[in-house]
Protein backbone atom coordinates (compact mmCIF):
# COMPACT_ATOMS: atom_id res chain seq x y z
CA UNK A 1 -51.22 -17.41 49.27
CA UNK A 2 -52.59 -19.19 45.99
CA UNK A 3 -55.39 -18.03 43.75
CA UNK A 4 -57.68 -20.99 44.70
CA UNK A 5 -60.86 -19.54 42.99
CA UNK A 6 -61.87 -19.86 39.21
CA UNK A 7 -61.94 -16.52 37.20
CA UNK A 8 -65.71 -16.91 37.25
CA UNK A 9 -66.56 -17.14 40.71
CA UNK A 10 -67.51 -14.17 43.06
CA UNK A 11 -65.53 -13.74 46.17
CA UNK A 12 -67.66 -12.53 49.20
CA UNK A 13 -65.94 -10.96 52.34
CA UNK A 14 -67.05 -9.26 55.46
CA UNK A 15 -64.47 -6.93 56.97
CA UNK A 16 -64.08 -4.57 59.90
CA UNK A 17 -63.02 -1.38 58.15
CA UNK A 18 -61.63 0.47 61.02
CA UNK A 19 -62.17 3.94 62.75
CA UNK A 20 -62.88 6.61 60.10
CA UNK A 21 -59.76 7.51 58.09
CA UNK A 22 -57.26 6.19 61.00
CA UNK A 23 -56.08 3.25 58.83
CA UNK A 24 -54.92 5.46 56.01
CA UNK A 25 -53.38 7.93 58.42
CA UNK A 26 -51.11 5.41 59.97
CA UNK A 27 -52.85 4.85 63.34
CA UNK A 28 -50.84 2.28 65.34
CA UNK A 29 -54.18 0.76 66.85
CA UNK A 30 -55.06 -0.28 63.25
CA UNK A 31 -51.79 -1.97 62.26
CA UNK A 32 -53.28 -5.43 62.16
CA UNK A 33 -56.19 -4.45 60.07
CA UNK A 34 -53.91 -2.71 57.71
CA UNK A 35 -51.56 -5.54 57.22
CA UNK A 36 -54.60 -7.64 56.70
CA UNK A 37 -56.22 -5.71 54.12
CA UNK A 38 -53.10 -4.92 52.13
CA UNK A 39 -52.55 -8.87 51.79
CA UNK A 40 -56.12 -9.70 51.26
CA UNK A 41 -56.17 -9.44 47.43
CA UNK A 42 -53.52 -12.16 47.43
CA UNK A 43 -56.29 -14.68 48.59
CA UNK A 44 -58.03 -14.31 45.06
CA UNK A 45 -57.50 -12.89 41.72
CA UNK A 46 -58.07 -9.56 40.58
CA UNK A 47 -61.87 -9.00 40.12
CA UNK A 48 -63.61 -7.33 37.30
CA UNK A 49 -65.59 -5.37 39.60
CA UNK A 50 -66.05 -4.69 43.31
CA UNK A 51 -69.51 -4.16 44.99
CA UNK A 52 -69.44 -2.83 48.57
CA UNK A 53 -72.16 -2.99 51.11
CA UNK A 54 -71.01 -0.02 53.38
CA UNK A 55 -72.42 0.27 57.02
CA UNK A 56 -72.51 4.00 56.38
CA UNK A 57 -75.40 4.21 53.80
CA UNK A 58 -78.92 3.46 54.72
CA UNK A 59 -81.96 4.19 52.44
CA UNK A 60 -85.69 3.52 52.50
CA UNK A 61 -85.05 1.38 49.27
CA UNK A 62 -82.06 -0.59 48.54
CA UNK A 63 -80.09 2.06 46.66
CA UNK A 64 -77.24 1.57 44.23
CA UNK A 65 -74.66 4.01 43.18
CA UNK A 66 -74.75 4.64 39.64
CA UNK A 67 -72.17 7.37 38.84
CA UNK A 68 -69.75 6.73 36.00
CA UNK A 69 -67.08 8.50 38.14
CA UNK A 70 -68.28 8.66 41.71
CA UNK A 71 -66.89 11.49 44.05
CA UNK A 72 -65.52 11.50 47.54
CA UNK A 73 -67.91 11.67 50.38
CA UNK A 74 -65.95 12.39 53.58
CA UNK A 75 -68.53 11.10 56.13
CA UNK A 76 -66.32 11.77 59.07
CA UNK A 77 -65.34 14.74 61.27
CA UNK A 78 -62.65 16.09 63.74
CA UNK A 79 -59.70 14.63 61.92
CA UNK A 80 -56.52 16.38 60.55
CA UNK A 81 -56.65 18.20 57.20
CA UNK A 82 -54.97 15.20 55.37
CA UNK A 83 -58.26 12.99 56.02
CA UNK A 84 -59.93 15.34 53.73
CA UNK A 85 -57.37 15.20 51.03
CA UNK A 86 -57.66 11.37 50.62
CA UNK A 87 -58.55 10.25 47.06
CA UNK A 88 -59.84 6.96 45.52
CA UNK A 89 -60.38 7.80 41.70
CA UNK A 90 -61.60 4.37 40.68
CA UNK A 91 -64.51 4.47 38.04
CA UNK A 92 -67.81 3.38 38.91
CA UNK A 93 -69.93 0.75 37.29
CA UNK A 94 -73.31 1.93 36.10
CA UNK A 95 -73.78 -1.07 33.77
CA UNK A 96 -73.38 -3.38 37.07
CA UNK A 97 -75.57 -1.10 39.24
CA UNK A 98 -78.40 -1.58 36.36
CA UNK A 99 -78.17 -5.38 36.54
CA UNK A 100 -78.26 -5.51 40.32
CA UNK A 101 -81.30 -3.05 40.25
CA UNK A 102 -82.90 -5.67 37.94
CA UNK A 103 -82.06 -8.62 40.19
CA UNK A 104 -83.52 -6.86 43.25
CA UNK A 105 -86.72 -5.98 41.58
CA UNK A 106 -87.05 -9.59 40.23
CA UNK A 107 -86.84 -10.66 43.96
CA UNK A 108 -89.45 -7.87 44.88
CA UNK A 109 -87.09 -5.64 46.62
CA UNK A 110 -87.66 -1.92 46.19
CA UNK A 111 -84.69 -0.38 44.60
CA UNK A 112 -83.42 2.80 42.84
CA UNK A 113 -80.33 4.16 41.55
CA UNK A 114 -78.32 7.27 42.98
CA UNK A 115 -76.03 8.97 40.33
CA UNK A 116 -74.83 11.57 42.98
CA UNK A 117 -73.54 9.26 45.79
CA UNK A 118 -70.02 9.32 46.50
CA UNK A 119 -67.64 6.83 48.10
CA UNK A 120 -67.81 6.87 51.76
CA UNK A 121 -65.25 5.77 54.11
CA UNK A 122 -66.65 2.22 54.40
CA UNK A 123 -65.74 1.90 50.89
CA UNK A 124 -62.57 3.99 49.99
CA UNK A 125 -60.64 3.15 53.27
CA UNK A 126 -60.61 -0.60 52.84
CA UNK A 127 -60.30 -0.38 48.97
CA UNK A 128 -57.50 2.17 49.16
CA UNK A 129 -55.33 -0.43 51.41
CA UNK A 130 -56.47 -3.41 48.98
CA UNK A 131 -56.26 -1.94 45.52
CA UNK A 132 -54.36 1.54 45.91
CA UNK A 133 -54.36 1.65 41.99
CA UNK A 134 -58.06 2.40 42.02
CA UNK A 135 -58.14 0.75 38.65
CA UNK A 136 -61.27 -1.60 39.27
CA UNK A 137 -64.76 -0.34 38.72
CA UNK A 138 -66.62 -0.39 42.04
CA UNK A 139 -70.12 0.69 43.38
CA UNK A 140 -72.11 0.57 46.61
CA UNK A 141 -75.28 -0.78 47.66
CA UNK A 142 -76.99 0.62 50.59
CA UNK A 143 -78.52 -1.03 53.73
CA UNK A 144 -82.31 -0.52 54.27
CA UNK A 145 -83.82 1.69 56.83
CA UNK A 146 -85.25 -0.24 59.91
CA UNK A 147 -82.16 -2.52 59.84
CA UNK A 148 -84.07 -5.72 59.87
CA UNK A 149 -81.88 -8.61 59.61
CA UNK A 150 -84.06 -10.90 57.79
CA UNK A 151 -84.55 -8.15 55.16
CA UNK A 152 -80.68 -7.87 54.74
CA UNK A 153 -80.35 -11.66 54.38
CA UNK A 154 -83.03 -11.61 51.56
CA UNK A 155 -81.13 -8.76 49.96
CA UNK A 156 -78.07 -10.91 49.86
CA UNK A 157 -80.18 -13.84 48.74
CA UNK A 158 -81.30 -11.80 45.68
CA UNK A 159 -77.61 -11.14 44.59
CA UNK A 160 -77.02 -14.92 44.02
CA UNK A 161 -76.98 -14.56 40.29
CA UNK A 162 -73.81 -12.70 40.57
CA UNK A 163 -71.92 -15.71 42.23
CA UNK A 164 -70.82 -16.85 38.68
CA UNK A 165 -69.18 -13.50 37.80
CA UNK A 166 -65.60 -12.37 38.57
CA UNK A 167 -66.61 -9.77 41.13
CA UNK A 168 -65.58 -9.13 44.74
CA UNK A 169 -68.47 -8.41 47.13
CA UNK A 170 -67.44 -6.69 50.17
CA UNK A 171 -69.58 -6.31 53.28
CA UNK A 172 -67.75 -3.25 55.03
CA UNK A 173 -68.70 -3.04 58.68
CA UNK A 174 -67.09 -3.88 61.95
CA UNK A 175 -67.77 -6.97 63.90
CA UNK A 176 -67.31 -4.62 67.20
CA UNK A 177 -68.87 -1.15 67.00
CA UNK A 178 -69.37 0.46 70.52
CA UNK A 179 -67.65 3.69 70.13
CA UNK A 180 -67.72 4.50 73.72
CA UNK A 181 -65.88 1.23 74.47
CA UNK A 182 -62.97 1.46 71.87
CA UNK A 183 -59.52 1.97 73.33
CA UNK A 184 -58.45 5.06 71.61
CA UNK A 185 -55.23 5.32 73.55
CA UNK A 186 -54.00 1.97 72.38
CA UNK A 187 -54.54 -0.30 75.54
CA UNK A 188 -55.40 -3.89 74.51
CA UNK A 189 -57.22 -4.72 77.97
CA UNK A 190 -59.12 -7.84 78.46
CA UNK A 191 -62.56 -7.70 77.49
CA UNK A 192 -64.76 -11.02 78.05
CA UNK A 193 -67.95 -9.50 76.82
CA UNK A 194 -66.18 -8.48 73.45
CA UNK A 195 -64.81 -11.96 73.29
CA UNK A 196 -68.11 -13.84 73.79
CA UNK A 197 -69.82 -12.13 70.86
CA UNK A 198 -66.85 -12.71 68.37
CA UNK A 199 -66.84 -16.22 69.54
CA UNK A 200 -70.55 -16.45 69.01
CA UNK A 201 -70.10 -14.85 65.47
CA UNK A 202 -67.26 -17.21 64.60
CA UNK A 203 -69.43 -20.25 65.46
CA UNK A 204 -72.38 -18.96 63.70
CA UNK A 205 -70.68 -18.16 60.39
CA UNK A 206 -67.75 -20.76 60.39
CA UNK A 207 -68.93 -23.45 62.83
CA UNK A 208 -70.46 -26.82 62.39
CA UNK A 209 -73.88 -25.61 62.04
CA UNK A 210 -76.62 -26.17 59.46
CA UNK A 211 -77.47 -23.34 57.12
CA UNK A 212 -80.80 -22.94 58.43
CA UNK A 213 -79.38 -22.79 61.98
CA UNK A 214 -76.87 -20.25 60.73
CA UNK A 215 -79.69 -17.99 59.54
CA UNK A 216 -81.75 -18.48 62.57
CA UNK A 217 -78.86 -17.19 64.58
CA UNK A 218 -78.21 -14.30 62.41
CA UNK A 219 -81.98 -13.18 62.42
CA UNK A 220 -81.89 -13.34 66.18
CA UNK A 221 -78.39 -11.98 66.54
CA UNK A 222 -79.47 -9.56 69.28
CA UNK A 223 -80.12 -12.69 71.45
CA UNK A 224 -76.37 -13.52 71.40
CA UNK A 225 -73.95 -13.04 74.39
CA UNK A 226 -73.05 -9.30 74.68
CA UNK A 227 -74.82 -8.58 71.47
CA UNK A 228 -75.93 -5.04 72.30
CA UNK A 229 -72.66 -4.21 74.05
CA UNK A 230 -70.92 -4.89 70.96
CA UNK A 231 -73.49 -3.26 68.57
CA UNK A 232 -75.51 -0.63 70.56
CA UNK A 233 -76.87 -0.12 66.86
CA UNK A 234 -76.45 -2.85 64.25
CA UNK A 235 -75.66 -1.02 61.09
CA UNK A 236 -71.91 -2.20 61.31
CA UNK A 237 -73.15 -5.85 61.56
CA UNK A 238 -75.63 -5.98 58.86
CA UNK A 239 -73.55 -6.06 55.95
CA UNK A 240 -72.39 -9.56 57.32
CA UNK A 241 -76.18 -10.56 56.79
CA UNK A 242 -75.84 -9.43 53.00
CA UNK A 243 -72.87 -11.42 52.47
CA UNK A 244 -74.32 -14.57 54.19
CA UNK A 245 -77.55 -14.35 52.30
CA UNK A 246 -75.62 -14.12 48.74
CA UNK A 247 -73.11 -16.97 49.80
CA UNK A 248 -75.22 -19.86 51.19
CA UNK A 249 -72.11 -21.63 52.42
CA UNK A 250 -70.23 -21.66 55.60
CA UNK A 251 -67.47 -18.90 55.96
CA UNK A 252 -63.83 -19.04 56.57
CA UNK A 253 -62.52 -16.89 59.21
CA UNK A 254 -59.66 -14.85 57.74
CA UNK A 255 -59.18 -12.14 60.46
CA UNK A 256 -59.28 -12.41 64.12
CA UNK A 257 -57.33 -9.59 65.87
CA UNK A 258 -57.62 -6.15 67.61
CA UNK A 259 -58.39 -2.87 66.24
CA UNK A 260 -58.25 0.12 68.26
CA UNK A 261 -57.97 -2.31 71.37
CA UNK A 262 -61.17 -4.35 70.50
CA UNK A 263 -61.18 -7.94 69.25
CA UNK A 264 -62.88 -7.95 65.54
CA UNK A 265 -63.18 -10.64 63.06
CA UNK A 266 -63.60 -10.90 59.10
CA UNK A 267 -64.99 -13.71 57.00
CA UNK A 268 -64.55 -15.06 53.41
CA UNK A 269 -67.19 -17.10 51.65
CA UNK A 270 -65.88 -19.48 49.07
């Protein structure tokens, strides 16, 4: 892949980050996702900083990780001991956290800084695959309690001033997140309901629609085919809304494959 972006242009991606620590533990049901994440940085140059909107952090106010050296937060349970020995010693970015907080306040979005929060697995699992050197400053931005889709598009829209900076903004979720329906035994059985929602998502984000049409569909996402089958709870979808709000352009489909037996997708906004 060529580096098609100028150095002073943010890259915005939404990815499906897999099940807990399994991608790092070498689970075969994650191989397509592992291969994709490892090559993803080839699609753009090295960023100066990385902002992650993780499905695994919700707060009443939009909250930014502000530690200079964040700790690890192993927000999963029931895995072998090596799952709790994974490290990602990247530095934080308190300066960027402060600047983002000012952007949010300017757009009347309640915000706060959290100097104690550590990297959760929606953060450290994909970045360990993408940038294993852990040498790029990185921080997280929380979702907002209530999981209102309009509020999360507005959250992304408030970040648009960052578009001219050499940063990577990553919505880390999962475009299919029904834990009871995953095929943990590795069987890739047909699932028309799963396909229907993924196809709707591709059309919504990357199809021939106006931005107004895209936004309305994302606001009313629960009306999509099989929406609540794919997302009984929407925290793994809403990082996409933040990315959409920030980008204000059509997306490019960059991942369409199976993770633990279910079809999942990923997008890039250029």
